[in-house]
Amino acid sequence: MFYDELKKYSWDATTQEILGMTSADVEAALSRPVATVRDFMALISPAAAPYIEQMAALSRRYTLERFGKTISMYIPMYVSNACTNHCVYCGFNHHNPLQRVTLTLEQVENECKAIRRLGPFENLLIVSGEFPTLNGVDYLEKVLKVARPYFNNLTIEVMPMKQRDYERLTHSGLNGVVCFQETYNEANYRNYHPRGMKSIFEWRVNGFDRMGAAGVHKIGMGVLIGLEDWRTDVTMMARHLRYLRKNYWRTRFSINFPRMCPAEGGYTPSVIMSDRELAQLTFAFRIFDHDVDISYSTRETPEFRANMMKLGVTSMSAGSKTEPGGYYSTPDALEQFEVSDSRTPAQVTEEIRALGYEAVWKDWDKIFD
């Protein structure tokens, strides 16, 4: 499991190695057709800042080679904000005094119908807090079966599960799983996740192995930008991605870099990433892994998303609501985070076309089941 692999690497030593990178290291990384993890560290280092234009050009080239001028569209559907975790940065924190909502299956179907009216979405991301007795495997299996007639591609972003549970859900319409490690800094991980199943670092980080062993078609990864030093965190994720590719080579992978937004808990990020730094990170990951799907959510502004879709980003959400029942009605439930791009799917699609790209709505077909 990856936890054993991760223990080989020192957080502090990795940080110092990144900060010690030179212009020569960056130029060597840019010259290699296949980048190593050390090359990735050079490309995200402060030494690479003057090379961002060369990185952008190389990222664009690799993206066009692998994906063409396409942007894959998806939309999240929040089905429950009930959560037993106490994550200090999250609006769904168990301590927060908010109305807890878990959609009934009838409400789930109403949400599916409302989303279909927004646009020709086929890629649905089902999101839930972590409350096993309310929104556990049995509930999620029912949600998948309700949503399957409306969407060809179903992905979940929920609590980490056992391998047999992932296998079970793949027989109920599941195509992909997204899980954010939040941070790979085990020493500080418990500070952000003091209680609940999410507080168990090893269980969470090994969840990706369980997904791969279960034959999940696509696995999504990410760290939460704002908790720890982002350069060290994403280096650990790069190591994780390379490990997963080696061990679960039949699986596709995606990555996301969510920058922290205001949440009900009032948590203030300890690290702020600029747009330029996020662009540098995006280019570095594309150069490191030519085939990985790089996703930007509506956390990012319309202007920034428009610029980055030409340089490395390959999938985007649109029209997102981040509270249960947000599409069919105007709920009282709290949003998990505030969106920065509130445009309709039609408006986002029009911009994609204006930039000479094509919005792709479908990634999977029922016939492959």
Protein backbone atom coordinates (compact mmCIF):
# COMPACT_ATOMS: atom_id res chain seq x y z
CA MET A 1 0.00 0.00 0.00
CA PHE A 2 1.12 3.56 -0.65
CA TYR A 3 1.37 4.40 3.06
CA ASP A 4 4.44 2.17 3.27
CA GLU A 5 5.92 3.88 0.21
CA LEU A 6 5.20 7.34 1.62
CA LYS A 7 7.15 6.61 4.79
CA LYS A 8 10.33 6.49 2.69
CA TYR A 9 10.13 10.24 2.11
CA SER A 10 10.82 13.00 4.61
CA TRP A 11 8.52 16.02 4.42
CA ASP A 12 11.26 18.44 5.53
CA ALA A 13 13.91 16.94 3.26
CA THR A 14 11.52 17.15 0.29
CA THR A 15 10.84 20.80 1.08
CA GLN A 16 14.54 21.60 1.22
CA GLU A 17 15.22 19.74 -2.03
CA ILE A 18 12.55 21.77 -3.83
CA LEU A 19 13.89 25.06 -2.47
CA GLY A 20 17.42 24.05 -3.49
CA MET A 21 16.55 23.60 -7.17
CA THR A 22 18.46 25.78 -9.63
CA SER A 23 17.95 27.17 -13.12
CA ALA A 24 20.06 24.31 -14.45
CA ASP A 25 17.68 21.80 -12.83
CA VAL A 26 14.69 23.53 -14.43
CA GLU A 27 16.29 23.59 -17.88
CA ALA A 28 17.20 19.90 -17.58
CA ALA A 29 13.59 19.08 -16.62
CA LEU A 30 12.25 20.99 -19.62
CA SER A 31 14.59 19.14 -21.98
CA ARG A 32 13.52 15.62 -21.01
CA PRO A 33 10.68 13.87 -22.89
CA VAL A 34 9.76 11.90 -19.76
CA ALA A 35 9.96 13.81 -16.50
CA THR A 36 11.04 12.29 -13.20
CA VAL A 37 9.65 13.27 -9.80
CA ARG A 38 12.82 15.29 -9.29
CA ASP A 39 12.11 17.12 -12.55
CA PHE A 40 8.62 17.86 -11.26
CA MET A 41 10.12 19.30 -8.09
CA ALA A 42 12.31 21.57 -10.19
CA LEU A 43 9.32 22.78 -12.24
CA ILE A 44 7.28 23.78 -9.18
CA SER A 45 10.24 25.35 -7.40
CA PRO A 46 10.84 29.11 -7.08
CA ALA A 47 13.70 28.65 -9.55
CA ALA A 48 11.17 27.81 -12.28
CA ALA A 49 9.24 31.08 -11.98
CA PRO A 50 11.22 32.79 -14.80
CA TYR A 51 10.49 29.81 -17.08
CA ILE A 52 6.73 29.90 -16.85
CA GLU A 53 6.26 30.88 -20.52
CA GLN A 54 8.35 27.91 -21.69
CA MET A 55 6.42 25.67 -19.30
CA ALA A 56 3.10 26.97 -20.64
CA ALA A 57 4.12 26.27 -24.23
CA LEU A 58 5.26 22.74 -23.41
CA SER A 59 2.13 22.07 -21.37
CA ARG A 60 -0.06 23.27 -24.23
CA ARG A 61 1.79 21.05 -26.69
CA TYR A 62 1.40 17.89 -24.59
CA THR A 63 -2.26 18.69 -23.89
CA LEU A 64 -3.08 19.11 -27.57
CA GLU A 65 -1.23 15.88 -28.40
CA ARG A 66 -3.22 13.85 -25.87
CA PHE A 67 -6.60 15.62 -25.63
CA GLY A 68 -6.94 17.86 -28.67
CA LYS A 69 -9.01 21.03 -28.36
CA THR A 70 -11.57 19.56 -26.00
CA ILE A 71 -12.85 20.35 -22.52
CA SER A 72 -14.75 17.60 -20.72
CA MET A 73 -17.76 18.93 -18.82
CA TYR A 74 -19.09 17.62 -15.51
CA ILE A 75 -21.43 18.78 -12.77
CA PRO A 76 -21.55 17.94 -9.05
CA MET A 77 -24.72 16.80 -7.27
CA TYR A 78 -24.60 17.06 -3.48
CA VAL A 79 -26.86 14.45 -1.89
CA SER A 80 -26.01 14.90 1.80
CA ASN A 81 -24.24 17.35 4.09
CA ALA A 82 -24.49 15.03 7.11
CA CYS A 83 -20.97 14.33 8.35
CA THR A 84 -19.35 12.79 11.42
CA ASN A 85 -15.97 14.39 10.72
CA HIS A 86 -14.66 17.52 12.43
CA CYS A 87 -12.51 18.98 9.64
CA VAL A 88 -11.62 22.48 10.83
CA TYR A 89 -11.75 24.01 7.34
CA CYS A 90 -15.04 22.55 6.07
CA GLY A 91 -18.57 23.94 6.13
CA PHE A 92 -19.89 20.40 6.74
CA ASN A 93 -17.93 20.13 10.03
CA HIS A 94 -19.99 18.08 12.51
CA HIS A 95 -19.80 20.92 15.05
CA ASN A 96 -21.25 23.57 12.74
CA PRO A 97 -24.86 24.49 13.62
CA LEU A 98 -26.45 24.02 10.23
CA GLN A 99 -29.44 22.18 8.84
CA ARG A 100 -28.38 18.65 7.90
CA VAL A 101 -29.98 17.33 4.73
CA THR A 102 -29.81 13.88 3.17
CA LEU A 103 -31.87 13.70 0.00
CA THR A 104 -34.54 11.06 -0.40
CA LEU A 105 -34.40 8.96 -3.54
CA GLU A 106 -37.32 10.97 -4.92
CA GLN A 107 -35.38 14.18 -4.30
CA VAL A 108 -32.31 12.64 -5.94
CA GLU A 109 -34.35 11.92 -9.04
CA ASN A 110 -35.72 15.48 -9.04
CA GLU A 111 -32.14 16.75 -8.89
CA CYS A 112 -31.17 14.53 -11.83
CA LYS A 113 -34.06 15.85 -13.90
CA ALA A 114 -33.20 19.46 -13.03
CA ILE A 115 -29.54 18.95 -14.01
CA ARG A 116 -30.58 17.43 -17.34
CA ARG A 117 -32.53 20.61 -18.04
CA LEU A 118 -29.39 22.70 -17.46
CA GLY A 119 -27.46 21.11 -20.33
CA PRO A 120 -26.47 17.83 -21.95
CA PHE A 121 -24.37 16.69 -18.99
CA GLU A 122 -23.42 13.01 -18.94
CA ASN A 123 -20.64 13.21 -16.34
CA LEU A 124 -22.19 13.47 -12.86
CA LEU A 125 -20.14 13.81 -9.67
CA ILE A 126 -22.15 12.63 -6.64
CA VAL A 127 -20.90 14.31 -3.45
CA SER A 128 -21.72 13.48 0.14
CA GLY A 129 -20.46 14.13 3.65
CA GLU A 130 -19.17 11.15 5.62
CA PHE A 131 -21.94 9.71 7.82
CA PRO A 132 -22.03 5.91 7.26
CA THR A 133 -25.40 5.26 8.92
CA LEU A 134 -27.11 7.92 6.76
CA ASN A 135 -25.17 8.13 3.51
CA GLY A 136 -23.12 4.94 3.54
CA VAL A 137 -22.72 2.22 0.93
CA ASP A 138 -26.35 1.09 0.96
CA TYR A 139 -27.60 4.64 0.39
CA LEU A 140 -25.03 5.38 -2.30
CA GLU A 141 -25.89 2.21 -4.18
CA LYS A 142 -29.52 3.35 -4.32
CA VAL A 143 -28.49 6.85 -5.43
CA LEU A 144 -26.37 5.39 -8.26
CA LYS A 145 -29.26 3.26 -9.46
CA VAL A 146 -31.57 6.30 -9.50
CA ALA A 147 -29.04 8.46 -11.35
CA ARG A 148 -27.89 5.86 -13.88
CA PRO A 149 -30.82 6.24 -16.33
CA TYR A 150 -30.09 9.97 -16.56
CA PHE A 151 -26.26 9.97 -16.88
CA ASN A 152 -23.75 7.75 -18.66
CA ASN A 153 -20.82 8.46 -16.34
CA LEU A 154 -21.19 8.42 -12.55
CA THR A 155 -18.40 9.41 -10.14
CA ILE A 156 -18.60 9.66 -6.37
CA GLU A 157 -16.77 11.92 -3.90
CA VAL A 158 -17.66 10.37 -0.56
CA MET A 159 -16.06 8.59 2.40
CA PRO A 160 -13.20 6.15 1.67
CA MET A 161 -14.52 2.58 1.55
CA LYS A 162 -13.40 -1.02 1.71
CA GLN A 163 -12.34 -2.69 -1.53
CA ARG A 164 -15.41 -4.92 -1.57
CA ASP A 165 -17.67 -1.85 -1.27
CA TYR A 166 -16.04 -0.21 -4.28
CA GLU A 167 -16.45 -3.46 -6.20
CA ARG A 168 -20.12 -3.59 -5.20
CA LEU A 169 -20.76 -0.06 -6.43
CA THR A 170 -19.06 -0.72 -9.78
CA HIS A 171 -21.90 -3.20 -10.40
CA SER A 172 -24.46 -0.47 -9.64
CA GLY A 173 -23.29 2.06 -12.21
CA LEU A 174 -20.15 3.51 -10.62
CA ASN A 175 -17.43 4.59 -13.07
CA GLY A 176 -15.10 6.76 -10.99
CA VAL A 177 -14.10 7.87 -7.50
CA VAL A 178 -12.68 11.23 -6.41
CA CYS A 179 -10.90 11.47 -3.06
CA PHE A 180 -8.90 14.39 -1.73
CA GLN A 181 -6.08 13.46 0.60
CA GLU A 182 -6.24 17.13 1.74
CA THR A 183 -2.58 16.98 2.85
CA TYR A 184 0.17 14.36 2.82
CA ASN A 185 1.80 15.87 5.91
CA GLU A 186 1.01 13.08 8.38
CA ALA A 187 2.55 14.98 11.31
CA ASN A 188 -0.02 17.79 10.96
CA TYR A 189 -2.90 15.85 9.39
CA ARG A 190 -4.64 15.23 12.72
CA ASN A 191 -4.66 18.98 13.47
CA TYR A 192 -7.06 19.50 10.55
CA HIS A 193 -9.05 16.30 11.13
CA PRO A 194 -9.26 15.89 14.91
CA ARG A 195 -12.19 13.43 15.01
CA GLY A 196 -14.12 11.07 12.77
CA MET A 197 -12.95 8.39 10.32
CA LYS A 198 -11.18 11.04 8.28
CA SER A 199 -8.73 11.51 11.15
CA ILE A 200 -7.11 8.14 10.31
CA PHE A 201 -4.37 9.15 7.87
CA GLU A 202 -3.34 5.63 6.84
CA TRP A 203 -6.92 4.56 6.06
CA ARG A 204 -7.44 7.56 3.82
CA VAL A 205 -4.16 7.48 1.91
CA ASN A 206 -4.48 3.72 1.28
CA GLY A 207 -8.00 4.21 -0.07
CA PHE A 208 -6.58 4.79 -3.53
CA ASP A 209 -5.05 1.29 -3.49
CA ARG A 210 -8.45 -0.13 -2.57
CA MET A 211 -10.05 1.74 -5.49
CA GLY A 212 -7.42 0.45 -7.90
CA ALA A 213 -7.68 -3.13 -6.64
CA ALA A 214 -11.46 -2.94 -7.02
CA GLY A 215 -11.10 -2.04 -10.70
CA VAL A 216 -12.53 1.47 -10.49
CA HIS A 217 -12.33 2.90 -14.02
CA LYS A 218 -11.12 6.39 -13.05
CA ILE A 219 -9.56 7.73 -9.85
CA GLY A 220 -9.43 11.43 -8.99
CA MET A 221 -6.80 12.85 -6.62
CA GLY A 222 -6.14 16.19 -5.00
CA VAL A 223 -4.66 18.14 -2.12
CA LEU A 224 -6.33 21.12 -0.52
CA ILE A 225 -4.26 24.20 -1.23
CA GLY A 226 -4.15 26.31 1.92
CA LEU A 227 -3.26 23.82 4.65
CA GLU A 228 0.46 23.10 4.25
CA ASP A 229 3.33 24.13 1.98
CA TRP A 230 1.78 23.47 -1.41
CA ARG A 231 5.01 22.57 -3.18
CA THR A 232 5.79 19.74 -0.78
CA ASP A 233 2.19 18.52 -0.75
CA VAL A 234 1.89 18.28 -4.53
CA THR A 235 5.27 16.54 -4.74
CA MET A 236 3.92 13.83 -2.46
CA MET A 237 0.86 13.62 -4.71
CA ALA A 238 3.11 13.31 -7.78
CA ARG A 239 4.87 10.40 -6.09
CA HIS A 240 1.48 8.90 -5.28
CA LEU A 241 0.27 9.26 -8.87
CA ARG A 242 3.35 7.57 -10.27
CA TYR A 243 2.96 4.72 -7.77
CA LEU A 244 -0.70 4.25 -8.74
CA ARG A 245 0.08 4.26 -12.46
CA LYS A 246 2.66 1.52 -11.92
CA ASN A 247 0.38 -0.68 -9.81
CA TYR A 248 -3.04 0.00 -11.38
CA TRP A 249 -2.14 0.67 -14.98
CA ARG A 250 -5.63 -0.13 -16.31
CA THR A 251 -7.08 2.82 -14.38
CA ARG A 252 -7.35 6.41 -15.61
CA PHE A 253 -6.41 9.28 -13.30
CA SER A 254 -7.38 12.90 -12.74
CA ILE A 255 -6.03 15.60 -10.46
CA ASN A 256 -7.41 18.78 -8.97
CA PHE A 257 -5.87 21.59 -6.95
CA PRO A 258 -8.72 23.25 -5.01
CA ARG A 259 -7.71 26.52 -3.41
CA MET A 260 -9.51 27.10 -0.15
CA CYS A 261 -12.64 29.25 -0.23
CA PRO A 262 -14.64 30.77 2.63
CA ALA A 263 -16.57 28.14 4.61
CA GLU A 264 -19.00 28.18 7.51
CA GLY A 265 -16.30 27.18 9.97
CA GLY A 266 -14.48 30.47 9.35
CA TYR A 267 -11.11 28.77 8.85
CA THR A 268 -8.41 31.05 7.46
CA PRO A 269 -5.96 29.34 5.06
CA SER A 270 -2.37 29.32 6.29
CA VAL A 271 -1.03 29.26 2.72
CA ILE A 272 -2.23 31.47 -0.14
CA MET A 273 -1.49 30.38 -3.71
CA SER A 274 -1.48 33.05 -6.42
CA ASP A 275 -2.93 32.55 -9.90
CA ARG A 276 0.59 32.52 -11.31
CA GLU A 277 1.64 29.76 -8.90
CA LEU A 278 -1.45 27.69 -9.74
CA ALA A 279 -0.63 28.08 -13.43
CA GLN A 280 2.97 26.98 -12.77
CA LEU A 281 1.71 23.93 -10.88
CA THR A 282 -0.73 23.03 -13.67
CA PHE A 283 2.00 23.24 -16.31
CA ALA A 284 4.38 21.19 -14.15
CA PHE A 285 1.84 18.40 -13.73
CA ARG A 286 1.08 18.29 -17.46
CA ILE A 287 4.80 18.03 -18.23
CA PHE A 288 5.17 15.36 -15.53
CA ASP A 289 2.19 13.28 -16.70
CA HIS A 290 0.99 13.88 -20.27
CA ASP A 291 -2.13 11.72 -19.89
CA VAL A 292 -3.58 12.83 -16.56
CA ASP A 293 -6.90 14.69 -16.64
CA ILE A 294 -6.44 18.12 -15.00
CA SER A 295 -9.67 19.52 -13.64
CA TYR A 296 -10.69 23.03 -12.54
CA SER A 297 -13.91 23.51 -10.61
CA THR A 298 -16.07 26.60 -10.19
CA ARG A 299 -13.87 27.58 -7.24
CA GLU A 300 -11.78 29.41 -9.87
CA THR A 301 -12.81 32.63 -11.62
CA PRO A 302 -14.16 32.67 -15.20
CA GLU A 303 -11.16 34.64 -16.46
CA PHE A 304 -8.58 32.29 -14.98
CA ARG A 305 -10.41 29.17 -16.17
CA ALA A 306 -10.62 30.59 -19.71
CA ASN A 307 -6.87 31.20 -19.81
CA MET A 308 -5.95 27.80 -18.41
CA MET A 309 -8.20 25.73 -20.67
CA LYS A 310 -5.87 26.61 -23.53
CA LEU A 311 -2.75 25.61 -21.62
CA GLY A 312 -3.31 22.37 -19.75
CA VAL A 313 -6.74 22.02 -18.16
CA THR A 314 -8.89 19.27 -19.69
CA SER A 315 -12.09 19.15 -17.62
CA MET A 316 -14.34 21.71 -15.91
CA SER A 317 -17.54 21.91 -13.95
CA ALA A 318 -20.26 24.41 -14.76
CA GLY A 319 -23.48 25.59 -13.14
CA SER A 320 -22.39 24.01 -9.86
CA LYS A 321 -24.47 24.03 -6.69
CA THR A 322 -22.63 22.91 -3.55
CA GLU A 323 -25.57 22.20 -1.27
CA PRO A 324 -27.99 19.23 -1.24
CA GLY A 325 -31.05 19.94 -3.35
CA GLY A 326 -29.52 23.00 -4.97
CA TYR A 327 -30.76 22.38 -8.53
CA TYR A 328 -34.38 21.42 -8.01
CA SER A 329 -35.25 23.89 -5.28
CA THR A 330 -33.82 26.71 -3.20
CA PRO A 331 -32.77 24.77 -0.11
CA ASP A 332 -31.97 25.98 3.38
CA ALA A 333 -28.92 23.72 3.50
CA LEU A 334 -25.54 25.41 3.67
CA GLU A 335 -23.10 25.35 0.76
CA GLN A 336 -19.84 23.48 1.36
CA PHE A 337 -17.91 26.36 -0.25
CA GLU A 338 -18.61 29.48 -2.28
CA VAL A 339 -18.25 29.27 -6.04
CA SER A 340 -16.32 31.89 -8.02
CA ASP A 341 -17.76 31.04 -11.45
CA SER A 342 -21.55 31.30 -11.24
CA ARG A 343 -22.21 31.29 -15.00
CA THR A 344 -24.71 28.89 -16.53
CA PRO A 345 -23.48 25.83 -18.44
CA ALA A 346 -24.65 27.50 -21.67
CA GLN A 347 -22.51 30.56 -20.95
CA VAL A 348 -19.45 28.45 -20.16
CA THR A 349 -20.00 26.38 -23.31
CA GLU A 350 -20.26 29.49 -25.44
CA GLU A 351 -16.93 30.73 -24.12
CA ILE A 352 -15.30 27.35 -24.81
CA ARG A 353 -16.51 27.52 -28.41
CA ALA A 354 -15.35 31.12 -28.78
CA LEU A 355 -11.85 30.01 -27.79
CA GLY A 356 -11.83 27.41 -30.55
CA TYR A 357 -12.43 24.44 -28.27
CA GLU A 358 -15.19 21.86 -28.06
CA ALA A 359 -17.19 21.06 -24.94
CA VAL A 360 -17.37 17.28 -24.52
CA TRP A 361 -20.29 16.07 -22.41
CA LYS A 362 -19.86 12.31 -22.62
CA ASP A 363 -17.00 10.13 -21.39
CA TRP A 364 -18.66 6.74 -20.99
CA ASP A 365 -21.55 4.87 -22.51
CA LYS A 366 -23.98 2.42 -20.97
CA ILE A 367 -23.04 -0.11 -23.65
CA PHE A 368 -19.64 -0.58 -21.95
CA ASP A 369 -21.39 -1.89 -18.84
